[in-house]
C-alpha cells in the first residue's frame, strides 16, 4: 500500500505522519492504514461548527491542536435520527481537513 495514498497529494505525507505520531498511531499508522473512519473534506472547521447546529444531538464543540494542527471535536454526535452516536473531530491541514470518528481532545496538546 502506498503511504497515505487516500489523502495525497492534497495533504502532505509529512503532515499525515506527524498527525499519526501525535495520536499514538491509533487513528492512522505510518503506512496510512486507517483504524477509524477518516474522510477528507474541503469544509472548514467553522463550516463544521455551523453545520453541527443542525445535527440531531451533539456535545459541546471543543477546539485545540494536535501535532500542531488545529481541530474542533465533539465527544458525542448523532447526525440523524437512527445514526449511531460517536465522537467526531475535524483536523485542519490547511487547504484540506480530515473528519475523524474520534475525539481528538484525548490527544490535545497542552
N, C-alpha and C. Protein backbone atom coordinates (compact mmCIF):
# COMPACT_ATOMS: atom_id res chain seq x y z
N UNK A 1 0.85 -1.19 0.00
CA UNK A 1 0.00 0.00 0.00
C UNK A 1 0.88 1.23 0.00
N UNK A 2 0.57 2.17 -0.90
CA UNK A 2 1.31 3.41 -0.94
C UNK A 2 0.96 4.23 0.29
N UNK A 3 1.99 4.79 0.92
CA UNK A 3 1.78 5.52 2.16
C UNK A 3 0.81 6.69 1.96
N UNK A 4 -0.26 6.72 2.73
CA UNK A 4 -1.25 7.80 2.74
C UNK A 4 -1.86 8.07 1.38
N UNK A 5 -1.96 7.06 0.52
CA UNK A 5 -2.45 7.23 -0.84
C UNK A 5 -3.85 7.84 -0.90
N UNK A 6 -4.69 7.59 0.11
CA UNK A 6 -6.05 8.12 0.10
C UNK A 6 -6.09 9.64 0.24
N UNK A 7 -5.04 10.25 0.76
CA UNK A 7 -5.07 11.67 1.09
C UNK A 7 -4.08 12.51 0.29
N UNK A 8 -3.02 11.91 -0.23
CA UNK A 8 -2.05 12.66 -1.02
C UNK A 8 -2.60 12.86 -2.42
N UNK A 9 -2.22 13.85 -3.17
CA UNK A 9 -1.25 14.89 -2.82
C UNK A 9 -1.85 16.06 -2.05
N UNK A 10 -3.16 16.00 -1.75
CA UNK A 10 -3.81 17.14 -1.11
C UNK A 10 -3.26 17.46 0.28
N UNK A 11 -2.88 16.43 1.01
CA UNK A 11 -2.30 16.60 2.35
C UNK A 11 -0.94 15.93 2.32
N UNK A 12 0.09 16.67 2.67
CA UNK A 12 1.46 16.16 2.60
C UNK A 12 1.67 14.97 3.52
N UNK A 13 2.43 13.99 3.03
CA UNK A 13 2.72 12.79 3.81
C UNK A 13 3.39 13.13 5.13
N UNK A 14 4.27 14.14 5.13
CA UNK A 14 4.96 14.51 6.38
C UNK A 14 3.95 15.03 7.41
N UNK A 15 2.92 15.75 6.96
CA UNK A 15 1.89 16.24 7.88
C UNK A 15 1.05 15.07 8.41
N UNK A 16 0.70 14.15 7.53
CA UNK A 16 -0.08 12.98 7.96
C UNK A 16 0.72 12.11 8.93
N UNK A 17 2.01 11.98 8.67
CA UNK A 17 2.86 11.20 9.58
C UNK A 17 2.92 11.88 10.95
N UNK A 18 3.06 13.20 10.97
CA UNK A 18 3.09 13.94 12.24
C UNK A 18 1.77 13.77 12.99
N UNK A 19 0.66 13.82 12.26
CA UNK A 19 -0.66 13.60 12.87
C UNK A 19 -0.75 12.18 13.43
N UNK A 20 -0.30 11.19 12.66
CA UNK A 20 -0.33 9.80 13.12
C UNK A 20 0.49 9.64 14.40
N UNK A 21 1.67 10.22 14.43
CA UNK A 21 2.53 10.12 15.61
C UNK A 21 1.90 10.85 16.81
N UNK A 22 1.26 11.98 16.56
CA UNK A 22 0.65 12.77 17.63
C UNK A 22 -0.55 12.08 18.25
N UNK A 23 -1.17 11.17 17.51
CA UNK A 23 -2.32 10.42 18.02
C UNK A 23 -1.91 8.98 18.35
N UNK A 24 -0.62 8.79 18.60
CA UNK A 24 -0.08 7.48 19.01
C UNK A 24 -0.45 6.37 18.03
N UNK A 25 -0.58 6.72 16.75
CA UNK A 25 -0.90 5.75 15.68
C UNK A 25 -2.21 5.02 15.92
N UNK A 26 -3.10 5.61 16.69
CA UNK A 26 -4.39 4.96 16.98
C UNK A 26 -5.44 5.26 15.91
N UNK A 27 -5.23 6.30 15.10
CA UNK A 27 -6.20 6.64 14.05
C UNK A 27 -5.66 6.30 12.66
N UNK A 28 -4.40 6.60 12.44
CA UNK A 28 -3.71 6.30 11.18
C UNK A 28 -2.30 5.87 11.55
N UNK A 29 -1.79 4.82 10.89
CA UNK A 29 -0.41 4.45 11.18
C UNK A 29 0.51 5.04 10.11
N UNK A 30 1.82 4.82 10.24
CA UNK A 30 2.78 5.42 9.32
C UNK A 30 2.69 4.88 7.90
N UNK A 31 1.96 3.79 7.70
CA UNK A 31 1.74 3.26 6.36
C UNK A 31 0.45 3.78 5.76
N UNK A 32 -0.27 4.61 6.49
CA UNK A 32 -1.52 5.16 6.00
C UNK A 32 -2.73 4.31 6.28
N UNK A 33 -2.54 3.17 6.97
CA UNK A 33 -3.68 2.33 7.31
C UNK A 33 -4.55 3.06 8.32
N UNK A 34 -5.86 3.03 8.09
CA UNK A 34 -6.80 3.74 8.96
C UNK A 34 -7.41 2.77 9.98
N UNK A 35 -7.46 3.22 11.23
CA UNK A 35 -8.06 2.41 12.29
C UNK A 35 -9.41 2.97 12.73
N UNK A 36 -9.81 4.09 12.18
CA UNK A 36 -11.13 4.65 12.43
C UNK A 36 -11.58 5.28 11.11
N UNK A 37 -12.84 5.68 11.06
CA UNK A 37 -13.36 6.31 9.85
C UNK A 37 -12.69 7.67 9.69
N UNK A 38 -12.03 7.88 8.55
CA UNK A 38 -11.34 9.13 8.25
C UNK A 38 -11.77 9.57 6.85
N UNK A 39 -12.26 10.81 6.73
CA UNK A 39 -12.75 11.32 5.45
C UNK A 39 -12.11 12.67 5.18
N UNK A 40 -11.59 12.84 3.96
CA UNK A 40 -11.02 14.13 3.56
C UNK A 40 -12.15 15.06 3.14
N UNK A 41 -12.07 16.33 3.55
CA UNK A 41 -13.12 17.30 3.24
C UNK A 41 -12.52 18.68 3.01
N UNK A 42 -13.19 19.47 2.19
CA UNK A 42 -12.79 20.86 1.97
C UNK A 42 -13.50 21.81 2.93
N UNK A 43 -14.50 21.31 3.66
CA UNK A 43 -15.22 22.16 4.62
C UNK A 43 -14.27 22.62 5.72
N UNK A 44 -14.41 23.87 6.14
CA UNK A 44 -13.55 24.43 7.18
C UNK A 44 -14.05 24.01 8.57
N UNK A 45 -13.24 24.26 9.58
CA UNK A 45 -13.66 23.99 10.95
C UNK A 45 -14.91 24.81 11.28
N UNK A 46 -14.94 26.06 10.84
CA UNK A 46 -16.12 26.89 11.09
C UNK A 46 -17.35 26.32 10.38
N UNK A 47 -17.17 25.80 9.15
CA UNK A 47 -18.29 25.17 8.43
C UNK A 47 -18.85 24.01 9.24
N UNK A 48 -17.97 23.19 9.82
CA UNK A 48 -18.42 22.05 10.61
C UNK A 48 -19.16 22.50 11.86
N UNK A 49 -18.63 23.53 12.53
CA UNK A 49 -19.33 24.02 13.73
C UNK A 49 -20.71 24.56 13.36
N UNK A 50 -20.80 25.25 12.25
CA UNK A 50 -22.09 25.79 11.80
C UNK A 50 -23.05 24.65 11.46
N UNK A 51 -22.59 23.66 10.70
CA UNK A 51 -23.49 22.56 10.30
C UNK A 51 -23.87 21.69 11.50
N UNK A 52 -23.02 21.67 12.54
CA UNK A 52 -23.34 20.86 13.72
C UNK A 52 -24.60 21.35 14.41
N UNK A 53 -24.97 22.60 14.17
CA UNK A 53 -26.19 23.15 14.77
C UNK A 53 -27.42 22.41 14.26
N UNK A 54 -27.30 21.77 13.09
CA UNK A 54 -28.42 21.04 12.50
C UNK A 54 -28.37 19.53 12.80
N UNK A 55 -27.32 19.07 13.49
CA UNK A 55 -27.24 17.66 13.85
C UNK A 55 -28.30 17.36 14.90
N UNK A 56 -28.76 16.13 14.93
CA UNK A 56 -29.81 15.74 15.88
C UNK A 56 -29.35 15.93 17.32
N UNK A 57 -28.15 15.45 17.65
CA UNK A 57 -27.58 15.61 19.00
C UNK A 57 -26.09 15.87 18.87
N UNK A 58 -25.55 16.62 19.81
CA UNK A 58 -24.11 16.84 19.84
C UNK A 58 -23.72 17.36 21.22
N UNK A 59 -22.54 16.97 21.66
CA UNK A 59 -21.97 17.56 22.87
C UNK A 59 -21.39 18.92 22.48
N UNK A 60 -20.86 19.62 23.44
CA UNK A 60 -20.26 20.92 23.13
C UNK A 60 -19.00 20.77 22.30
N UNK A 61 -18.82 21.66 21.34
CA UNK A 61 -17.63 21.65 20.50
C UNK A 61 -16.44 22.17 21.30
N UNK A 62 -15.30 21.52 21.11
CA UNK A 62 -14.07 21.96 21.77
C UNK A 62 -13.00 22.11 20.72
N UNK A 63 -12.23 23.18 20.83
CA UNK A 63 -11.13 23.42 19.89
C UNK A 63 -9.81 23.18 20.59
N UNK A 64 -8.84 22.75 19.79
CA UNK A 64 -7.50 22.51 20.32
C UNK A 64 -6.53 22.30 19.18
N UNK A 65 -5.36 21.78 19.51
CA UNK A 65 -4.37 21.43 18.49
C UNK A 65 -3.80 20.05 18.81
N UNK A 66 -3.46 19.33 17.75
CA UNK A 66 -2.79 18.04 17.87
C UNK A 66 -1.75 17.97 16.76
N UNK A 67 -0.52 17.70 17.11
CA UNK A 67 0.56 17.68 16.12
C UNK A 67 0.79 19.03 15.48
N UNK A 68 0.33 20.09 16.16
CA UNK A 68 0.45 21.44 15.61
C UNK A 68 -0.70 21.82 14.70
N UNK A 69 -1.65 20.92 14.50
CA UNK A 69 -2.79 21.18 13.62
C UNK A 69 -4.03 21.51 14.45
N UNK A 70 -4.75 22.58 14.10
CA UNK A 70 -5.97 22.93 14.83
C UNK A 70 -7.08 21.91 14.55
N UNK A 71 -7.94 21.73 15.53
CA UNK A 71 -9.09 20.84 15.36
C UNK A 71 -10.28 21.37 16.13
N UNK A 72 -11.45 20.86 15.77
CA UNK A 72 -12.68 21.03 16.55
C UNK A 72 -13.20 19.62 16.79
N UNK A 73 -13.65 19.35 18.03
CA UNK A 73 -14.05 17.99 18.39
C UNK A 73 -15.33 17.99 19.21
N UNK A 74 -16.08 16.92 19.03
CA UNK A 74 -17.29 16.66 19.82
C UNK A 74 -17.13 15.28 20.43
N UNK A 75 -17.37 15.15 21.72
CA UNK A 75 -17.24 13.85 22.38
C UNK A 75 -18.31 12.88 21.90
N UNK A 76 -19.48 13.41 21.50
CA UNK A 76 -20.57 12.56 21.03
C UNK A 76 -21.46 13.34 20.07
N UNK A 77 -21.74 12.75 18.92
CA UNK A 77 -22.67 13.35 17.97
C UNK A 77 -23.61 12.28 17.44
N UNK A 78 -24.79 12.72 17.05
CA UNK A 78 -25.72 11.90 16.29
C UNK A 78 -26.22 12.83 15.18
N UNK A 79 -25.76 12.58 13.96
CA UNK A 79 -26.08 13.48 12.86
C UNK A 79 -27.57 13.41 12.51
N UNK A 80 -28.10 12.20 12.38
CA UNK A 80 -29.51 11.99 12.04
C UNK A 80 -30.11 10.97 12.99
N UNK A 81 -31.41 11.05 13.15
CA UNK A 81 -32.11 10.06 13.97
C UNK A 81 -31.82 8.67 13.42
N UNK A 82 -31.51 7.75 14.32
CA UNK A 82 -31.19 6.39 13.93
C UNK A 82 -29.71 6.14 13.73
N UNK A 83 -28.91 7.22 13.53
CA UNK A 83 -27.46 7.05 13.41
C UNK A 83 -26.88 6.69 14.77
N UNK A 84 -25.82 5.95 14.76
CA UNK A 84 -25.09 5.63 15.98
C UNK A 84 -24.41 6.88 16.51
N UNK A 85 -24.47 7.06 17.82
CA UNK A 85 -23.75 8.18 18.44
C UNK A 85 -22.27 7.82 18.48
N UNK A 86 -21.43 8.79 18.14
CA UNK A 86 -19.98 8.55 18.13
C UNK A 86 -19.27 9.87 18.31
N UNK A 87 -18.00 9.81 18.67
CA UNK A 87 -17.22 11.04 18.72
C UNK A 87 -16.92 11.50 17.29
N UNK A 88 -16.65 12.78 17.13
CA UNK A 88 -16.33 13.31 15.81
C UNK A 88 -15.36 14.46 15.98
N UNK A 89 -14.33 14.50 15.16
CA UNK A 89 -13.37 15.59 15.16
C UNK A 89 -13.04 15.95 13.73
N UNK A 90 -12.64 17.18 13.54
CA UNK A 90 -12.17 17.64 12.24
C UNK A 90 -10.85 18.35 12.47
N UNK A 91 -9.80 17.88 11.80
CA UNK A 91 -8.46 18.45 11.96
C UNK A 91 -8.09 19.19 10.68
N UNK A 92 -7.50 20.38 10.84
CA UNK A 92 -7.21 21.28 9.72
C UNK A 92 -5.76 21.14 9.27
N UNK A 93 -5.60 20.75 7.99
CA UNK A 93 -4.27 20.63 7.39
C UNK A 93 -4.01 21.74 6.37
N UNK A 94 -4.70 22.85 6.48
CA UNK A 94 -4.51 23.95 5.53
C UNK A 94 -5.65 23.99 4.53
N UNK A 95 -5.38 23.57 3.30
CA UNK A 95 -6.41 23.59 2.26
C UNK A 95 -7.44 22.47 2.43
N UNK A 96 -7.09 21.43 3.17
CA UNK A 96 -7.97 20.27 3.36
C UNK A 96 -8.07 19.94 4.84
N UNK A 97 -9.17 19.31 5.20
CA UNK A 97 -9.37 18.83 6.55
C UNK A 97 -9.67 17.34 6.52
N UNK A 98 -9.43 16.67 7.65
CA UNK A 98 -9.84 15.28 7.82
C UNK A 98 -10.89 15.22 8.92
N UNK A 99 -12.02 14.60 8.61
CA UNK A 99 -13.05 14.33 9.61
C UNK A 99 -12.79 12.92 10.12
N UNK A 100 -12.73 12.79 11.44
CA UNK A 100 -12.32 11.54 12.08
C UNK A 100 -13.36 11.14 13.11
N UNK A 101 -13.73 9.87 13.14
CA UNK A 101 -14.65 9.37 14.17
C UNK A 101 -13.86 9.06 15.44
N UNK A 102 -13.36 10.12 16.07
CA UNK A 102 -12.59 10.03 17.32
C UNK A 102 -12.62 11.40 17.97
N UNK A 103 -12.45 11.43 19.26
CA UNK A 103 -12.40 12.70 20.00
C UNK A 103 -10.94 13.10 20.15
N UNK A 104 -10.48 14.03 19.31
CA UNK A 104 -9.07 14.45 19.33
C UNK A 104 -8.68 15.16 20.61
N UNK A 105 -9.66 15.53 21.42
CA UNK A 105 -9.32 16.15 22.70
C UNK A 105 -8.48 15.21 23.56
N UNK A 106 -8.59 13.90 23.31
CA UNK A 106 -7.80 12.92 24.06
C UNK A 106 -6.30 13.10 23.82
N UNK A 107 -5.93 13.70 22.68
CA UNK A 107 -4.51 13.89 22.35
C UNK A 107 -4.14 15.36 22.30
N UNK A 108 -5.00 16.23 22.79
CA UNK A 108 -4.76 17.67 22.68
C UNK A 108 -3.45 18.06 23.34
N UNK A 109 -2.75 18.98 22.68
CA UNK A 109 -1.50 19.50 23.22
C UNK A 109 -1.79 20.51 24.32
N UNK A 110 -0.94 20.52 25.31
CA UNK A 110 -1.10 21.47 26.42
C UNK A 110 -0.51 22.81 26.07
